[in-house]
């Protein structure tokens, strides 16, 4: 089974409906989805990390 393609930061921002500036503020507080940096400096997010972030935030709001 092929690994899911990692999401670009732009795709993450679109999915969570957030501006880049707001995302980086949230990331500075340790509240953003987990990202990793590619050797070329681009940021990516694994689908599993974004799904886990959604799950964590849904539980926090309940």
Protein backbone atom coordinates (compact mmCIF):
# COMPACT_ATOMS: atom_id res chain seq x y z
CA UNK A 1 0.00 0.00 0.00
CA UNK A 2 1.53 3.35 -1.00
CA UNK A 3 2.17 5.97 1.65
CA UNK A 4 -0.19 8.95 1.53
CA UNK A 5 1.29 12.05 -0.05
CA UNK A 6 2.28 14.62 2.60
CA UNK A 7 0.30 17.85 2.60
CA UNK A 8 1.85 21.16 1.64
CA UNK A 9 1.44 24.00 4.13
CA UNK A 10 -0.93 25.72 1.69
CA UNK A 11 -3.14 22.61 1.66
CA UNK A 12 -3.16 22.47 5.46
CA UNK A 13 -4.10 26.16 5.68
CA UNK A 14 -6.95 25.63 3.22
CA UNK A 15 -8.28 22.62 5.12
CA UNK A 16 -8.23 24.31 8.52
CA UNK A 17 -9.36 27.64 7.02
CA UNK A 18 -6.61 29.70 8.60
CA UNK A 19 -4.22 32.39 7.44
CA UNK A 20 -0.50 31.71 7.36
CA UNK A 21 0.10 34.37 10.03
CA UNK A 22 -2.50 32.89 12.39
CA UNK A 23 -1.07 29.42 11.79
CA UNK A 24 2.45 30.54 12.71
CA UNK A 25 1.17 32.25 15.87
CA UNK A 26 -0.58 29.01 16.84
CA UNK A 27 2.56 27.03 15.96
CA UNK A 28 4.66 29.29 18.21
CA UNK A 29 2.33 28.37 21.09
CA UNK A 30 2.68 24.66 20.27
CA UNK A 31 -0.97 24.31 19.25
CA UNK A 32 -0.64 23.74 15.49
CA UNK A 33 -0.55 20.46 13.58
CA UNK A 34 2.89 18.85 13.52
CA UNK A 35 5.02 19.82 10.52
CA UNK A 36 8.34 18.58 9.24
CA UNK A 37 10.88 20.25 6.98
CA UNK A 38 12.13 18.73 3.74
CA UNK A 39 15.82 19.06 2.79
CA UNK A 40 14.86 21.92 0.44
CA UNK A 41 13.30 23.85 3.36
CA UNK A 42 9.66 23.28 2.42
CA UNK A 43 7.23 22.33 5.17
CA UNK A 44 4.97 19.29 5.01
CA UNK A 45 2.33 17.72 7.23
CA UNK A 46 1.43 14.05 7.33
CA UNK A 47 -2.28 13.34 6.90
CA UNK A 48 -2.17 11.28 10.10
CA UNK A 49 -0.74 14.26 12.05
CA UNK A 50 -3.43 16.60 10.72
CA UNK A 51 -6.17 14.08 11.51
CA UNK A 52 -4.78 13.67 15.04
CA UNK A 53 -4.77 17.46 15.44
CA UNK A 54 -8.44 17.61 14.33
CA UNK A 55 -9.30 14.84 16.80
CA UNK A 56 -7.51 16.60 19.66
CA UNK A 57 -9.25 19.90 18.97
CA UNK A 58 -12.67 18.31 18.60
CA UNK A 59 -12.27 16.71 22.02
CA UNK A 60 -11.09 20.00 23.55
CA UNK A 61 -14.24 21.77 22.29
CA UNK A 62 -16.64 19.14 23.61
